[in-house]
Amino acid sequence: IGVEQTAKSFDLTEYCFPEKSLLLLGNEHEGIPAN
């Protein structure tokens, strides 16, 4: 799961986390790189 604003991102208030979730946080300035 990426914490990022994208064209297909889910609203946090509507997202159901799976039990096994990996949360990827972006860089302070650049966010999560495209790759």
PDB file of all heavy atoms in Angstrom:
ATOM      1  N   ILE A   1       0.844  -1.199   0.000  1.00  0.00           N
ATOM      2  CA  ILE A   1       0.000   0.000   0.000  1.00  0.00           C
ATOM      3  C   ILE A   1       0.879   1.249   0.000  1.00  0.00           C
ATOM      4  O   ILE A   1       1.695   1.443   0.906  1.00  0.00           O
ATOM      5  CB  ILE A   1      -0.918   0.014   1.237  1.00  0.00           C
ATOM      6  CG1 ILE A   1      -1.760  -1.257   1.296  1.00  0.00           C
ATOM      7  CG2 ILE A   1      -1.790   1.265   1.255  1.00  0.00           C
ATOM      8  CD1 ILE A   1      -2.400  -1.509   2.643  1.00  0.00           C
ATOM      9  N   GLY A   2       0.711   2.078  -1.001  1.00  0.00           N
ATOM     10  CA  GLY A   2       1.457   3.331  -1.058  1.00  0.00           C
ATOM     11  C   GLY A   2       0.620   4.486  -0.546  1.00  0.00           C
ATOM     12  O   GLY A   2      -0.585   4.551  -0.816  1.00  0.00           O
ATOM     13  N   VAL A   3       1.247   5.358   0.221  1.00  0.00           N
ATOM     14  CA  VAL A   3       0.558   6.565   0.689  1.00  0.00           C
ATOM     15  C   VAL A   3       0.877   7.656  -0.323  1.00  0.00           C
ATOM     16  O   VAL A   3       1.921   8.300  -0.270  1.00  0.00           O
ATOM     17  CB  VAL A   3       1.041   6.967   2.100  1.00  0.00           C
ATOM     18  CG1 VAL A   3       0.215   8.138   2.629  1.00  0.00           C
ATOM     19  CG2 VAL A   3       0.952   5.793   3.052  1.00  0.00           C
ATOM     20  N   GLU A   4      -0.037   7.828  -1.265  1.00  0.00           N
ATOM     21  CA  GLU A   4       0.247   8.734  -2.386  1.00  0.00           C
ATOM     22  C   GLU A   4      -1.047   9.148  -3.063  1.00  0.00           C
ATOM     23  O   GLU A   4      -2.020   8.388  -3.111  1.00  0.00           O
ATOM     24  CB  GLU A   4       1.163   8.026  -3.389  1.00  0.00           C
ATOM     25  CG  GLU A   4       1.721   8.914  -4.475  1.00  0.00           C
ATOM     26  CD  GLU A   4       2.643   9.999  -3.951  1.00  0.00           C
ATOM     27  OE1 GLU A   4       3.852   9.768  -3.792  1.00  0.00           O
ATOM     28  OE2 GLU A   4       2.100  11.100  -3.681  1.00  0.00           O
ATOM     29  N   GLN A   5      -1.059  10.375  -3.602  1.00  0.00           N
ATOM     30  CA  GLN A   5      -2.186  10.865  -4.380  1.00  0.00           C
ATOM     31  C   GLN A   5      -1.941  10.529  -5.846  1.00  0.00           C
ATOM     32  O   GLN A   5      -1.014  11.050  -6.457  1.00  0.00           O
ATOM     33  CB  GLN A   5      -2.338  12.379  -4.208  1.00  0.00           C
ATOM     34  CG  GLN A   5      -2.639  12.811  -2.777  1.00  0.00           C
ATOM     35  CD  GLN A   5      -2.626  14.328  -2.601  1.00  0.00           C
ATOM     36  OE1 GLN A   5      -2.140  15.046  -3.452  1.00  0.00           O
ATOM     37  NE2 GLN A   5      -3.147  14.798  -1.492  1.00  0.00           N
ATOM     38  N   THR A   6      -2.755   9.635  -6.371  1.00  0.00           N
ATOM     39  CA  THR A   6      -2.653   9.275  -7.781  1.00  0.00           C
ATOM     40  C   THR A   6      -4.050   9.298  -8.393  1.00  0.00           C
ATOM     41  O   THR A   6      -5.053   9.453  -7.686  1.00  0.00           O
ATOM     42  CB  THR A   6      -2.050   7.864  -7.972  1.00  0.00           C
ATOM     43  OG1 THR A   6      -2.992   6.888  -7.495  1.00  0.00           O
ATOM     44  CG2 THR A   6      -0.733   7.717  -7.235  1.00  0.00           C
ATOM     45  N   ALA A   7      -4.120   9.104  -9.701  1.00  0.00           N
ATOM     46  CA  ALA A   7      -5.416   9.115 -10.385  1.00  0.00           C
ATOM     47  C   ALA A   7      -6.309   7.965  -9.924  1.00  0.00           C
ATOM     48  O   ALA A   7      -7.536   8.059  -9.992  1.00  0.00           O
ATOM     49  CB  ALA A   7      -5.198   9.038 -11.892  1.00  0.00           C
ATOM     50  N   LYS A   8      -5.701   6.896  -9.416  1.00  0.00           N
ATOM     51  CA  LYS A   8      -6.478   5.709  -9.030  1.00  0.00           C
ATOM     52  C   LYS A   8      -6.425   5.440  -7.518  1.00  0.00           C
ATOM     53  O   LYS A   8      -6.800   4.359  -7.084  1.00  0.00           O
ATOM     54  CB  LYS A   8      -5.969   4.481  -9.786  1.00  0.00           C
ATOM     55  CG  LYS A   8      -6.140   4.574 -11.294  1.00  0.00           C
ATOM     56  CD  LYS A   8      -5.638   3.310 -11.978  1.00  0.00           C
ATOM     57  CE  LYS A   8      -5.812   3.396 -13.493  1.00  0.00           C
ATOM     58  NZ  LYS A   8      -5.331   2.161 -14.173  1.00  0.00           N
ATOM     59  N   SER A   9      -5.971   6.401  -6.754  1.00  0.00           N
ATOM     60  CA  SER A   9      -5.831   6.166  -5.314  1.00  0.00           C
ATOM     61  C   SER A   9      -7.194   6.113  -4.628  1.00  0.00           C
ATOM     62  O   SER A   9      -8.153   6.754  -5.049  1.00  0.00           O
ATOM     63  CB  SER A   9      -4.955   7.240  -4.667  1.00  0.00           C
ATOM     64  OG  SER A   9      -5.494   8.522  -4.875  1.00  0.00           O
ATOM     65  N   PHE A  10      -7.263   5.315  -3.546  1.00  0.00           N
ATOM     66  CA  PHE A  10      -8.472   5.174  -2.750  1.00  0.00           C
ATOM     67  C   PHE A  10      -8.499   6.205  -1.632  1.00  0.00           C
ATOM     68  O   PHE A  10      -7.454   6.544  -1.055  1.00  0.00           O
ATOM     69  CB  PHE A  10      -8.532   3.774  -2.125  1.00  0.00           C
ATOM     70  CG  PHE A  10      -8.937   2.690  -3.076  1.00  0.00           C
ATOM     71  CD1 PHE A  10      -7.991   2.127  -3.930  1.00  0.00           C
ATOM     72  CD2 PHE A  10     -10.234   2.223  -3.130  1.00  0.00           C
ATOM     73  CE1 PHE A  10      -8.346   1.122  -4.819  1.00  0.00           C
ATOM     74  CE2 PHE A  10     -10.609   1.220  -4.012  1.00  0.00           C
ATOM     75  CZ  PHE A  10      -9.654   0.666  -4.865  1.00  0.00           C
ATOM     76  N   ASP A  11      -9.669   6.670  -1.309  1.00  0.00           N
ATOM     77  CA  ASP A  11      -9.859   7.551  -0.153  1.00  0.00           C
ATOM     78  C   ASP A  11      -9.666   6.711   1.117  1.00  0.00           C
ATOM     79  O   ASP A  11     -10.210   5.605   1.232  1.00  0.00           O
ATOM     80  CB  ASP A  11     -11.277   8.121  -0.198  1.00  0.00           C
ATOM     81  CG  ASP A  11     -11.506   9.200   0.857  1.00  0.00           C
ATOM     82  OD1 ASP A  11     -11.184   8.951   2.040  1.00  0.00           O
ATOM     83  OD2 ASP A  11     -12.027  10.265   0.506  1.00  0.00           O
ATOM     84  N   LEU A  12      -8.872   7.215   2.044  1.00  0.00           N
ATOM     85  CA  LEU A  12      -8.592   6.481   3.279  1.00  0.00           C
ATOM     86  C   LEU A  12      -9.866   6.098   4.020  1.00  0.00           C
ATOM     87  O   LEU A  12      -9.940   5.030   4.618  1.00  0.00           O
ATOM     88  CB  LEU A  12      -7.688   7.320   4.192  1.00  0.00           C
ATOM     89  CG  LEU A  12      -7.390   6.743   5.577  1.00  0.00           C
ATOM     90  CD1 LEU A  12      -6.709   5.389   5.468  1.00  0.00           C
ATOM     91  CD2 LEU A  12      -6.541   7.713   6.398  1.00  0.00           C
ATOM     92  N   THR A  13     -10.878   6.962   3.959  1.00  0.00           N
ATOM     93  CA  THR A  13     -12.115   6.686   4.696  1.00  0.00           C
ATOM     94  C   THR A  13     -12.915   5.535   4.078  1.00  0.00           C
ATOM     95  O   THR A  13     -13.846   5.028   4.700  1.00  0.00           O
ATOM     96  CB  THR A  13     -13.015   7.943   4.746  1.00  0.00           C
ATOM     97  OG1 THR A  13     -13.381   8.316   3.410  1.00  0.00           O
ATOM     98  CG2 THR A  13     -12.279   9.098   5.410  1.00  0.00           C
ATOM     99  N   GLU A  14     -12.549   5.126   2.874  1.00  0.00           N
ATOM    100  CA  GLU A  14     -13.289   4.065   2.191  1.00  0.00           C
ATOM    101  C   GLU A  14     -12.464   2.795   1.997  1.00  0.00           C
ATOM    102  O   GLU A  14     -12.964   1.799   1.456  1.00  0.00           O
ATOM    103  CB  GLU A  14     -13.776   4.569   0.822  1.00  0.00           C
ATOM    104  CG  GLU A  14     -14.695   5.785   0.930  1.00  0.00           C
ATOM    105  CD  GLU A  14     -15.025   6.381  -0.430  1.00  0.00           C
ATOM    106  OE1 GLU A  14     -14.432   5.923  -1.438  1.00  0.00           O
ATOM    107  OE2 GLU A  14     -15.858   7.301  -0.485  1.00  0.00           O
ATOM    108  N   TYR A  15     -11.218   2.833   2.433  1.00  0.00           N
ATOM    109  CA  TYR A  15     -10.330   1.688   2.170  1.00  0.00           C
ATOM    110  C   TYR A  15     -10.330   0.714   3.349  1.00  0.00           C
ATOM    111  O   TYR A  15     -10.233   1.127   4.512  1.00  0.00           O
ATOM    112  CB  TYR A  15      -8.899   2.163   1.900  1.00  0.00           C
ATOM    113  CG  TYR A  15      -7.964   1.033   1.557  1.00  0.00           C
ATOM    114  CD1 TYR A  15      -8.078   0.362   0.336  1.00  0.00           C
ATOM    115  CD2 TYR A  15      -6.985   0.614   2.453  1.00  0.00           C
ATOM    116  CE1 TYR A  15      -7.233  -0.691   0.015  1.00  0.00           C
ATOM    117  CE2 TYR A  15      -6.144  -0.440   2.139  1.00  0.00           C
ATOM    118  CZ  TYR A  15      -6.275  -1.089   0.923  1.00  0.00           C
ATOM    119  OH  TYR A  15      -5.448  -2.137   0.611  1.00  0.00           O
ATOM    120  N   CYS A  16     -10.433  -0.574   3.036  1.00  0.00           N
ATOM    121  CA  CYS A  16     -10.378  -1.624   4.064  1.00  0.00           C
ATOM    122  C   CYS A  16      -9.011  -2.290   4.008  1.00  0.00           C
ATOM    123  O   CYS A  16      -8.659  -2.917   3.004  1.00  0.00           O
ATOM    124  CB  CYS A  16     -11.478  -2.655   3.846  1.00  0.00           C
ATOM    125  SG  CYS A  16     -13.145  -2.018   4.094  1.00  0.00           S
ATOM    126  N   PHE A  17      -8.258  -2.161   5.075  1.00  0.00           N
ATOM    127  CA  PHE A  17      -6.909  -2.723   5.120  1.00  0.00           C
ATOM    128  C   PHE A  17      -6.946  -4.239   5.263  1.00  0.00           C
ATOM    129  O   PHE A  17      -7.625  -4.768   6.149  1.00  0.00           O
ATOM    130  CB  PHE A  17      -6.125  -2.130   6.290  1.00  0.00           C
ATOM    131  CG  PHE A  17      -5.682  -0.721   6.080  1.00  0.00           C
ATOM    132  CD1 PHE A  17      -6.502   0.336   6.441  1.00  0.00           C
ATOM    133  CD2 PHE A  17      -4.436  -0.439   5.532  1.00  0.00           C
ATOM    134  CE1 PHE A  17      -6.096   1.649   6.261  1.00  0.00           C
ATOM    135  CE2 PHE A  17      -4.025   0.863   5.347  1.00  0.00           C
ATOM    136  CZ  PHE A  17      -4.858   1.919   5.708  1.00  0.00           C
ATOM    137  N   PRO A  18      -6.201  -4.958   4.426  1.00  0.00           N
ATOM    138  CA  PRO A  18      -6.033  -6.394   4.651  1.00  0.00           C
ATOM    139  C   PRO A  18      -5.223  -6.605   5.937  1.00  0.00           C
ATOM    140  O   PRO A  18      -4.496  -5.705   6.374  1.00  0.00           O
ATOM    141  CB  PRO A  18      -5.237  -6.865   3.432  1.00  0.00           C
ATOM    142  CG  PRO A  18      -5.351  -5.767   2.434  1.00  0.00           C
ATOM    143  CD  PRO A  18      -5.509  -4.503   3.206  1.00  0.00           C
ATOM    144  N   GLU A  19      -5.353  -7.789   6.517  1.00  0.00           N
ATOM    145  CA  GLU A  19      -4.610  -8.053   7.749  1.00  0.00           C
ATOM    146  C   GLU A  19      -3.107  -7.937   7.528  1.00  0.00           C
ATOM    147  O   GLU A  19      -2.388  -7.352   8.329  1.00  0.00           O
ATOM    148  CB  GLU A  19      -4.944  -9.451   8.273  1.00  0.00           C
ATOM    149  CG  GLU A  19      -4.256  -9.767   9.592  1.00  0.00           C
ATOM    150  CD  GLU A  19      -4.650 -11.104  10.151  1.00  0.00           C
ATOM    151  OE1 GLU A  19      -5.572 -11.734   9.603  1.00  0.00           O
ATOM    152  OE2 GLU A  19      -4.024 -11.540  11.132  1.00  0.00           O
ATOM    153  N   LYS A  20      -2.613  -8.488   6.418  1.00  0.00           N
ATOM    154  CA  LYS A  20      -1.189  -8.386   6.102  1.00  0.00           C
ATOM    155  C   LYS A  20      -0.991  -7.198   5.161  1.00  0.00           C
ATOM    156  O   LYS A  20      -1.176  -7.307   3.947  1.00  0.00           O
ATOM    157  CB  LYS A  20      -0.682  -9.686   5.474  1.00  0.00           C
ATOM    158  CG  LYS A  20      -0.767 -10.882   6.415  1.00  0.00           C
ATOM    159  CD  LYS A  20      -0.176 -12.145   5.806  1.00  0.00           C
ATOM    160  CE  LYS A  20       1.345 -12.084   5.792  1.00  0.00           C
ATOM    161  NZ  LYS A  20       1.941 -13.399   5.422  1.00  0.00           N
ATOM    162  N   SER A  21      -0.682  -6.057   5.744  1.00  0.00           N
ATOM    163  CA  SER A  21      -0.525  -4.814   4.987  1.00  0.00           C
ATOM    164  C   SER A  21       0.891  -4.285   5.127  1.00  0.00           C
ATOM    165  O   SER A  21       1.435  -4.237   6.237  1.00  0.00           O
ATOM    166  CB  SER A  21      -1.508  -3.750   5.482  1.00  0.00           C
ATOM    167  OG  SER A  21      -2.834  -4.072   5.155  1.00  0.00           O
ATOM    168  N   LEU A  22       1.474  -3.881   4.015  1.00  0.00           N
ATOM    169  CA  LEU A  22       2.765  -3.197   4.032  1.00  0.00           C
ATOM    170  C   LEU A  22       2.529  -1.772   3.576  1.00  0.00           C
ATOM    171  O   LEU A  22       2.011  -1.532   2.483  1.00  0.00           O
ATOM    172  CB  LEU A  22       3.766  -3.904   3.118  1.00  0.00           C
ATOM    173  CG  LEU A  22       5.184  -3.320   3.098  1.00  0.00           C
ATOM    174  CD1 LEU A  22       6.213  -4.421   2.807  1.00  0.00           C
ATOM    175  CD2 LEU A  22       5.333  -2.192   2.066  1.00  0.00           C
ATOM    176  N   LEU A  23       2.885  -0.831   4.424  1.00  0.00           N
ATOM    177  CA  LEU A  23       2.643   0.588   4.170  1.00  0.00           C
ATOM    178  C   LEU A  23       3.935   1.237   3.693  1.00  0.00           C
ATOM    179  O   LEU A  23       4.915   1.311   4.432  1.00  0.00           O
ATOM    180  CB  LEU A  23       2.165   1.241   5.471  1.00  0.00           C
ATOM    181  CG  LEU A  23       1.576   2.645   5.406  1.00  0.00           C
ATOM    182  CD1 LEU A  23       0.339   2.658   4.537  1.00  0.00           C
ATOM    183  CD2 LEU A  23       1.262   3.123   6.813  1.00  0.00           C
ATOM    184  N   LEU A  24       3.962   1.677   2.444  1.00  0.00           N
ATOM    185  CA  LEU A  24       5.140   2.345   1.889  1.00  0.00           C
ATOM    186  C   LEU A  24       4.932   3.851   1.916  1.00  0.00           C
ATOM    187  O   LEU A  24       4.005   4.376   1.292  1.00  0.00           O
ATOM    188  CB  LEU A  24       5.402   1.876   0.457  1.00  0.00           C
ATOM    189  CG  LEU A  24       6.585   2.561  -0.249  1.00  0.00           C
ATOM    190  CD1 LEU A  24       7.910   2.218   0.436  1.00  0.00           C
ATOM    191  CD2 LEU A  24       6.632   2.177  -1.723  1.00  0.00           C
ATOM    192  N   LEU A  25       5.807   4.542   2.628  1.00  0.00           N
ATOM    193  CA  LEU A  25       5.744   6.002   2.734  1.00  0.00           C
ATOM    194  C   LEU A  25       6.749   6.630   1.780  1.00  0.00           C
ATOM    195  O   LEU A  25       7.850   6.115   1.590  1.00  0.00           O
ATOM    196  CB  LEU A  25       6.052   6.428   4.173  1.00  0.00           C
ATOM    197  CG  LEU A  25       5.096   5.863   5.234  1.00  0.00           C
ATOM    198  CD1 LEU A  25       5.626   6.132   6.629  1.00  0.00           C
ATOM    199  CD2 LEU A  25       3.709   6.448   5.073  1.00  0.00           C
ATOM    200  N   GLY A  26       6.363   7.775   1.212  1.00  0.00           N
ATOM    201  CA  GLY A  26       7.222   8.435   0.242  1.00  0.00           C
ATOM    202  C   GLY A  26       8.245   9.361   0.885  1.00  0.00           C
ATOM    203  O   GLY A  26       8.207   9.642   2.084  1.00  0.00           O
ATOM    204  N   ASN A  27       9.142   9.847   0.053  1.00  0.00           N
ATOM    205  CA  ASN A  27      10.146  10.821   0.472  1.00  0.00           C
ATOM    206  C   ASN A  27       9.475  12.156   0.793  1.00  0.00           C
ATOM    207  O   ASN A  27       8.422  12.489   0.233  1.00  0.00           O
ATOM    208  CB  ASN A  27      11.178  11.006  -0.635  1.00  0.00           C
ATOM    209  CG  ASN A  27      12.205  12.064  -0.301  1.00  0.00           C
ATOM    210  OD1 ASN A  27      12.074  13.209  -0.710  1.00  0.00           O
ATOM    211  ND2 ASN A  27      13.224  11.680   0.459  1.00  0.00           N
ATOM    212  N   GLU A  28      10.100  12.925   1.699  1.00  0.00           N
ATOM    213  CA  GLU A  28       9.515  14.188   2.141  1.00  0.00           C
ATOM    214  C   GLU A  28       9.225  15.152   0.989  1.00  0.00           C
ATOM    215  O   GLU A  28       8.248  15.899   1.021  1.00  0.00           O
ATOM    216  CB  GLU A  28      10.450  14.893   3.144  1.00  0.00           C
ATOM    217  CG  GLU A  28      10.492  14.262   4.505  1.00  0.00           C
ATOM    218  CD  GLU A  28      11.585  13.214   4.651  1.00  0.00           C
ATOM    219  OE1 GLU A  28      12.119  12.744   3.612  1.00  0.00           O
ATOM    220  OE2 GLU A  28      11.908  12.844   5.780  1.00  0.00           O
ATOM    221  N   HIS A  29      10.074  15.142  -0.032  1.00  0.00           N
ATOM    222  CA  HIS A  29       9.914  16.119  -1.120  1.00  0.00           C
ATOM    223  C   HIS A  29       9.354  15.508  -2.397  1.00  0.00           C
ATOM    224  O   HIS A  29       8.579  16.140  -3.111  1.00  0.00           O
ATOM    225  CB  HIS A  29      11.269  16.774  -1.428  1.00  0.00           C
ATOM    226  CG  HIS A  29      11.880  17.468  -0.244  1.00  0.00           C
ATOM    227  ND1 HIS A  29      11.337  18.607   0.306  1.00  0.00           N
ATOM    228  CD2 HIS A  29      12.968  17.164   0.507  1.00  0.00           C
ATOM    229  CE1 HIS A  29      12.075  18.991   1.348  1.00  0.00           C
ATOM    230  NE2 HIS A  29      13.061  18.136   1.490  1.00  0.00           N
ATOM    231  N   GLU A  30       9.733  14.283  -2.698  1.00  0.00           N
ATOM    232  CA  GLU A  30       9.394  13.687  -3.985  1.00  0.00           C
ATOM    233  C   GLU A  30       8.292  12.639  -3.899  1.00  0.00           C
ATOM    234  O   GLU A  30       7.827  12.140  -4.936  1.00  0.00           O
ATOM    235  CB  GLU A  30      10.654  13.058  -4.597  1.00  0.00           C
ATOM    236  CG  GLU A  30      11.776  14.074  -4.805  1.00  0.00           C
ATOM    237  CD  GLU A  30      13.104  13.404  -5.106  1.00  0.00           C
ATOM    238  OE1 GLU A  30      13.135  12.155  -5.157  1.00  0.00           O
ATOM    239  OE2 GLU A  30      14.106  14.118  -5.276  1.00  0.00           O
ATOM    240  N   GLY A  31       7.872  12.281  -2.710  1.00  0.00           N
ATOM    241  CA  GLY A  31       6.855  11.244  -2.576  1.00  0.00           C
ATOM    242  C   GLY A  31       7.402   9.884  -2.950  1.00  0.00           C
ATOM    243  O   GLY A  31       8.576   9.584  -2.740  1.00  0.00           O
ATOM    244  N   ILE A  32       6.554   9.053  -3.532  1.00  0.00           N
ATOM    245  CA  ILE A  32       6.972   7.725  -3.982  1.00  0.00           C
ATOM    246  C   ILE A  32       7.370   7.808  -5.451  1.00  0.00           C
ATOM    247  O   ILE A  32       6.566   8.227  -6.291  1.00  0.00           O
ATOM    248  CB  ILE A  32       5.834   6.692  -3.807  1.00  0.00           C
ATOM    249  CG1 ILE A  32       5.435   6.593  -2.335  1.00  0.00           C
ATOM    250  CG2 ILE A  32       6.266   5.322  -4.328  1.00  0.00           C
ATOM    251  CD1 ILE A  32       4.246   5.690  -2.076  1.00  0.00           C
ATOM    252  N   PRO A  33       8.593   7.419  -5.794  1.00  0.00           N
ATOM    253  CA  PRO A  33       9.024   7.509  -7.199  1.00  0.00           C
ATOM    254  C   PRO A  33       8.214   6.597  -8.109  1.00  0.00           C
ATOM    255  O   PRO A  33       7.678   5.571  -7.688  1.00  0.00           O
ATOM    256  CB  PRO A  33      10.497   7.081  -7.150  1.00  0.00           C
ATOM    257  CG  PRO A  33      10.688   6.406  -5.841  1.00  0.00           C
ATOM    258  CD  PRO A  33       9.660   6.934  -4.912  1.00  0.00           C
ATOM    259  N   ALA A  34       8.140   6.980  -9.383  1.00  0.00           N
ATOM    260  CA  ALA A  34       7.304   6.267 -10.361  1.00  0.00           C
ATOM    261  C   ALA A  34       7.688   4.800 -10.480  1.00  0.00           C
ATOM    262  O   ALA A  34       6.819   3.939 -10.650  1.00  0.00           O
ATOM    263  CB  ALA A  34       7.410   6.954 -11.717  1.00  0.00           C
ATOM    264  N   ASN A  35       8.981   4.492 -10.392  1.00  0.00           N
ATOM    265  CA  ASN A  35       9.394   3.097 -10.561  1.00  0.00           C
ATOM    266  C   ASN A  35       8.882   2.204  -9.431  1.00  0.00           C
ATOM    267  O   ASN A  35       8.716   0.994  -9.613  1.00  0.00           O
ATOM    268  CB  ASN A  35      10.918   2.998 -10.660  1.00  0.00           C
ATOM    269  CG  ASN A  35      11.610   3.291  -9.337  1.00  0.00           C
ATOM    270  OD1 ASN A  35      11.383   4.346  -8.737  1.00  0.00           O
ATOM    271  ND2 ASN A  35      12.443   2.372  -8.885  1.00  0.00           N
TER     272      ASN A  35
END
